[in-house]
Amino acid sequence: GVPYVRLAECQTTGGYARIGSVIPADLPRIAQAPPGAQLHFEMLSWEEADRLWRAESGLIGALASRAEPLTRDPHDIADLLSYQLISGVVAGDEES
């Protein structure tokens, strides 16, 4: 058979053997892997998994302090139409 990695939005299943778990630090990587990608799994101790998670959560926490809102004046955007901010607009008086 083929192993599957089931994420948070999966339905419940019963009767299938669970051969492992993906540590939280690796969930973003595995969630973005394309279908058919070669994945490598290895056995980790609780301590190693916790150490990796703490390092990852530290990086994520640091992002919040570096993020800032991007506010742009639409008059300064030469290619505003290419952003497709509104699509599918109709006048409302078309006959169907």
N, C-alpha and C. Protein backbone atom coordinates (compact mmCIF):
# COMPACT_ATOMS: atom_id res chain seq x y z
N GLY A 1 0.82 -1.19 0.00
CA GLY A 1 0.00 0.00 0.00
C GLY A 1 0.86 1.25 0.00
N VAL A 2 0.18 2.35 -0.05
CA VAL A 2 0.82 3.66 -0.06
C VAL A 2 0.51 4.37 1.25
N PRO A 3 1.52 4.86 1.95
CA PRO A 3 1.23 5.60 3.19
C PRO A 3 0.64 6.97 2.88
N TYR A 4 -0.24 7.42 3.73
CA TYR A 4 -0.87 8.74 3.59
C TYR A 4 -0.58 9.55 4.83
N VAL A 5 -0.35 10.83 4.64
CA VAL A 5 -0.22 11.75 5.77
C VAL A 5 -1.52 12.52 5.83
N ARG A 6 -2.22 12.35 6.92
CA ARG A 6 -3.52 12.98 7.08
C ARG A 6 -3.36 14.20 7.98
N LEU A 7 -3.83 15.34 7.49
CA LEU A 7 -3.69 16.58 8.25
C LEU A 7 -4.98 16.87 9.03
N ALA A 8 -5.07 18.04 9.60
CA ALA A 8 -6.15 18.39 10.52
C ALA A 8 -7.54 18.34 9.87
N GLU A 9 -7.65 18.57 8.58
CA GLU A 9 -8.95 18.65 7.95
C GLU A 9 -9.44 17.31 7.39
N CYS A 10 -8.81 16.23 7.77
CA CYS A 10 -9.21 14.92 7.25
C CYS A 10 -10.40 14.38 8.04
N GLN A 11 -11.12 13.50 7.41
CA GLN A 11 -12.22 12.84 8.13
C GLN A 11 -11.65 11.75 9.02
N THR A 12 -12.44 11.33 9.98
CA THR A 12 -11.97 10.27 10.86
C THR A 12 -11.98 8.94 10.12
N THR A 13 -11.06 8.10 10.46
CA THR A 13 -11.01 6.76 9.88
C THR A 13 -10.80 5.77 11.00
N GLY A 14 -11.23 4.59 10.76
CA GLY A 14 -11.05 3.56 11.78
C GLY A 14 -10.50 2.30 11.15
N GLY A 15 -9.78 1.54 11.93
CA GLY A 15 -9.30 0.25 11.46
C GLY A 15 -8.00 0.27 10.70
N TYR A 16 -7.43 1.44 10.47
CA TYR A 16 -6.17 1.51 9.74
C TYR A 16 -5.02 1.65 10.73
N ALA A 17 -3.96 0.95 10.46
CA ALA A 17 -2.79 1.03 11.34
C ALA A 17 -2.14 2.40 11.22
N ARG A 18 -1.74 2.93 12.34
CA ARG A 18 -1.03 4.21 12.36
C ARG A 18 0.45 3.88 12.57
N ILE A 19 1.24 4.14 11.53
CA ILE A 19 2.64 3.73 11.60
C ILE A 19 3.56 4.83 12.12
N GLY A 20 3.03 6.03 12.29
CA GLY A 20 3.88 7.11 12.79
C GLY A 20 3.13 8.42 12.84
N SER A 21 3.82 9.43 13.30
CA SER A 21 3.29 10.78 13.37
C SER A 21 4.33 11.75 12.83
N VAL A 22 3.86 12.81 12.23
CA VAL A 22 4.74 13.87 11.77
C VAL A 22 4.82 14.90 12.89
N ILE A 23 6.03 15.28 13.27
CA ILE A 23 6.17 16.25 14.36
C ILE A 23 5.66 17.62 13.89
N PRO A 24 5.12 18.43 14.81
CA PRO A 24 4.57 19.73 14.43
C PRO A 24 5.54 20.62 13.66
N ALA A 25 6.83 20.53 13.95
CA ALA A 25 7.81 21.37 13.25
C ALA A 25 7.88 21.04 11.77
N ASP A 26 7.52 19.81 11.38
CA ASP A 26 7.60 19.40 9.97
C ASP A 26 6.27 19.48 9.24
N LEU A 27 5.18 19.77 9.93
CA LEU A 27 3.87 19.80 9.27
C LEU A 27 3.80 20.79 8.11
N PRO A 28 4.32 22.03 8.23
CA PRO A 28 4.26 22.93 7.07
C PRO A 28 5.00 22.38 5.86
N ARG A 29 6.13 21.71 6.08
CA ARG A 29 6.90 21.16 4.96
C ARG A 29 6.14 20.03 4.26
N ILE A 30 5.58 19.14 5.06
CA ILE A 30 4.91 18.00 4.46
C ILE A 30 3.58 18.41 3.82
N ALA A 31 2.93 19.42 4.38
CA ALA A 31 1.66 19.90 3.82
C ALA A 31 1.88 20.54 2.45
N GLN A 32 3.05 21.10 2.20
CA GLN A 32 3.34 21.76 0.94
C GLN A 32 4.06 20.87 -0.06
N ALA A 33 4.33 19.64 0.31
CA ALA A 33 5.00 18.72 -0.62
C ALA A 33 4.04 18.36 -1.74
N PRO A 34 4.50 18.38 -2.98
CA PRO A 34 3.62 18.04 -4.09
C PRO A 34 3.30 16.54 -4.10
N PRO A 35 2.20 16.16 -4.71
CA PRO A 35 1.88 14.73 -4.81
C PRO A 35 3.02 13.98 -5.49
N GLY A 36 3.34 12.83 -4.96
CA GLY A 36 4.40 12.00 -5.52
C GLY A 36 5.79 12.37 -5.05
N ALA A 37 5.91 13.39 -4.20
CA ALA A 37 7.24 13.79 -3.70
C ALA A 37 7.82 12.68 -2.84
N GLN A 38 9.12 12.51 -2.92
CA GLN A 38 9.80 11.52 -2.08
C GLN A 38 9.97 12.13 -0.69
N LEU A 39 9.47 11.45 0.31
CA LEU A 39 9.58 11.91 1.68
C LEU A 39 10.46 10.96 2.47
N HIS A 40 11.18 11.50 3.42
CA HIS A 40 12.07 10.70 4.26
C HIS A 40 11.60 10.83 5.71
N PHE A 41 11.30 9.72 6.33
CA PHE A 41 10.87 9.70 7.72
C PHE A 41 11.97 9.09 8.57
N GLU A 42 12.10 9.59 9.78
CA GLU A 42 13.07 8.99 10.70
C GLU A 42 12.50 9.01 12.11
N MET A 43 12.96 8.07 12.90
CA MET A 43 12.53 7.95 14.29
C MET A 43 13.22 9.02 15.12
N LEU A 44 12.44 9.73 15.93
CA LEU A 44 12.98 10.75 16.83
C LEU A 44 12.54 10.47 18.25
N SER A 45 13.34 10.90 19.18
CA SER A 45 12.93 10.82 20.58
C SER A 45 12.01 12.00 20.88
N TRP A 46 11.27 11.91 21.98
CA TRP A 46 10.41 13.02 22.39
C TRP A 46 11.24 14.28 22.59
N GLU A 47 12.41 14.11 23.16
CA GLU A 47 13.27 15.26 23.45
C GLU A 47 13.72 15.95 22.17
N GLU A 48 14.11 15.16 21.16
CA GLU A 48 14.55 15.73 19.89
C GLU A 48 13.39 16.43 19.18
N ALA A 49 12.21 15.82 19.18
CA ALA A 49 11.04 16.44 18.56
C ALA A 49 10.70 17.75 19.27
N ASP A 50 10.79 17.76 20.59
CA ASP A 50 10.50 18.97 21.36
C ASP A 50 11.53 20.05 21.07
N ARG A 51 12.79 19.67 20.96
CA ARG A 51 13.85 20.64 20.64
C ARG A 51 13.61 21.28 19.28
N LEU A 52 13.24 20.46 18.28
CA LEU A 52 12.96 20.97 16.94
C LEU A 52 11.75 21.90 16.95
N TRP A 53 10.72 21.52 17.72
CA TRP A 53 9.52 22.36 17.80
C TRP A 53 9.83 23.70 18.45
N ARG A 54 10.63 23.68 19.50
CA ARG A 54 10.98 24.94 20.18
C ARG A 54 11.76 25.87 19.24
N ALA A 55 12.66 25.30 18.46
CA ALA A 55 13.42 26.10 17.49
C ALA A 55 12.49 26.69 16.44
N GLU A 56 11.57 25.86 15.93
CA GLU A 56 10.63 26.31 14.90
C GLU A 56 9.69 27.37 15.45
N SER A 57 9.16 27.16 16.65
CA SER A 57 8.23 28.14 17.21
C SER A 57 8.94 29.44 17.54
N GLY A 58 10.24 29.38 17.84
CA GLY A 58 11.01 30.61 18.04
C GLY A 58 11.11 31.42 16.76
N LEU A 59 11.31 30.73 15.64
CA LEU A 59 11.36 31.42 14.34
C LEU A 59 10.01 32.03 14.01
N ILE A 60 8.95 31.28 14.25
CA ILE A 60 7.60 31.79 13.96
C ILE A 60 7.30 32.99 14.85
N GLY A 61 7.68 32.91 16.12
CA GLY A 61 7.46 34.02 17.03
C GLY A 61 8.22 35.27 16.61
N ALA A 62 9.40 35.09 16.06
CA ALA A 62 10.20 36.23 15.61
C ALA A 62 9.58 36.91 14.39
N LEU A 63 8.81 36.19 13.61
CA LEU A 63 8.17 36.79 12.43
C LEU A 63 7.20 37.89 12.82
N ALA A 64 6.47 37.69 13.91
CA ALA A 64 5.47 38.67 14.33
C ALA A 64 6.11 40.02 14.60
N SER A 65 7.29 40.04 15.18
CA SER A 65 7.94 41.31 15.48
C SER A 65 8.52 41.97 14.23
N ARG A 66 8.71 41.20 13.17
CA ARG A 66 9.28 41.75 11.94
C ARG A 66 8.21 42.12 10.92
N ALA A 67 6.99 41.69 11.14
CA ALA A 67 5.92 41.95 10.18
C ALA A 67 5.34 43.35 10.39
N GLU A 68 4.97 43.97 9.31
CA GLU A 68 4.30 45.27 9.40
C GLU A 68 3.29 45.37 8.27
N PRO A 69 2.22 46.11 8.49
CA PRO A 69 1.20 46.21 7.44
C PRO A 69 1.76 46.94 6.21
N LEU A 70 1.32 46.51 5.08
CA LEU A 70 1.71 47.16 3.83
C LEU A 70 0.54 48.02 3.38
N THR A 71 0.72 49.30 3.44
CA THR A 71 -0.32 50.24 3.02
C THR A 71 0.21 51.01 1.83
N ARG A 72 -0.54 50.92 0.74
CA ARG A 72 -0.12 51.63 -0.47
C ARG A 72 -1.25 52.51 -0.95
N ASP A 73 -0.89 53.66 -1.43
CA ASP A 73 -1.87 54.56 -2.03
C ASP A 73 -2.16 54.06 -3.44
N PRO A 74 -3.43 53.77 -3.74
CA PRO A 74 -3.76 53.26 -5.09
C PRO A 74 -3.28 54.18 -6.21
N HIS A 75 -3.13 55.47 -5.93
CA HIS A 75 -2.65 56.39 -6.97
C HIS A 75 -1.18 56.14 -7.31
N ASP A 76 -0.46 55.50 -6.39
CA ASP A 76 0.96 55.20 -6.63
C ASP A 76 1.17 53.86 -7.32
N ILE A 77 0.10 53.12 -7.57
CA ILE A 77 0.21 51.80 -8.19
C ILE A 77 -0.14 51.94 -9.67
N ALA A 78 0.88 51.89 -10.51
CA ALA A 78 0.66 52.10 -11.95
C ALA A 78 -0.13 50.96 -12.58
N ASP A 79 -0.01 49.76 -12.06
CA ASP A 79 -0.65 48.59 -12.66
C ASP A 79 -1.79 48.06 -11.78
N LEU A 80 -2.61 48.94 -11.23
CA LEU A 80 -3.66 48.56 -10.29
C LEU A 80 -4.61 47.51 -10.88
N LEU A 81 -4.93 47.62 -12.16
CA LEU A 81 -5.86 46.65 -12.76
C LEU A 81 -5.28 45.24 -12.78
N SER A 82 -3.97 45.11 -12.82
CA SER A 82 -3.37 43.77 -12.86
C SER A 82 -3.53 43.03 -11.53
N TYR A 83 -3.87 43.73 -10.46
CA TYR A 83 -4.06 43.08 -9.17
C TYR A 83 -5.39 42.33 -9.10
N GLN A 84 -6.30 42.60 -9.99
CA GLN A 84 -7.61 41.94 -10.05
C GLN A 84 -8.28 41.93 -8.68
N LEU A 85 -8.38 43.09 -8.08
CA LEU A 85 -8.98 43.20 -6.76
C LEU A 85 -10.47 42.90 -6.79
N ILE A 86 -11.09 43.17 -7.91
CA ILE A 86 -12.52 42.88 -8.08
C ILE A 86 -12.66 42.11 -9.38
N SER A 87 -13.37 41.00 -9.33
CA SER A 87 -13.59 40.25 -10.57
C SER A 87 -15.05 39.82 -10.63
N GLY A 88 -15.53 39.64 -11.81
CA GLY A 88 -16.90 39.17 -11.99
C GLY A 88 -17.95 40.23 -11.72
N VAL A 89 -17.61 41.49 -11.87
CA VAL A 89 -18.56 42.57 -11.61
C VAL A 89 -19.51 42.70 -12.79
N VAL A 90 -20.77 42.86 -12.48
CA VAL A 90 -21.78 43.06 -13.52
C VAL A 90 -22.59 44.30 -13.17
N ALA A 91 -23.24 44.87 -14.17
CA ALA A 91 -24.05 46.06 -13.95
C ALA A 91 -25.35 45.72 -13.21
N GLY A 92 -25.83 44.52 -13.38
CA GLY A 92 -27.05 44.11 -12.70
C GLY A 92 -28.29 44.24 -13.55
N ASP A 93 -28.16 44.88 -14.72
CA ASP A 93 -29.34 45.03 -15.57
C ASP A 93 -29.27 44.14 -16.82
N GLU A 94 -28.32 43.18 -16.81
CA GLU A 94 -28.23 42.27 -17.93
C GLU A 94 -29.38 41.28 -17.89
N GLU A 95 -29.82 40.87 -19.06
CA GLU A 95 -30.87 39.85 -19.13
C GLU A 95 -30.20 38.49 -19.20
N SER A 96 -30.75 37.55 -18.44
CA SER A 96 -30.14 36.23 -18.43
C SER A 96 -30.67 35.33 -19.49
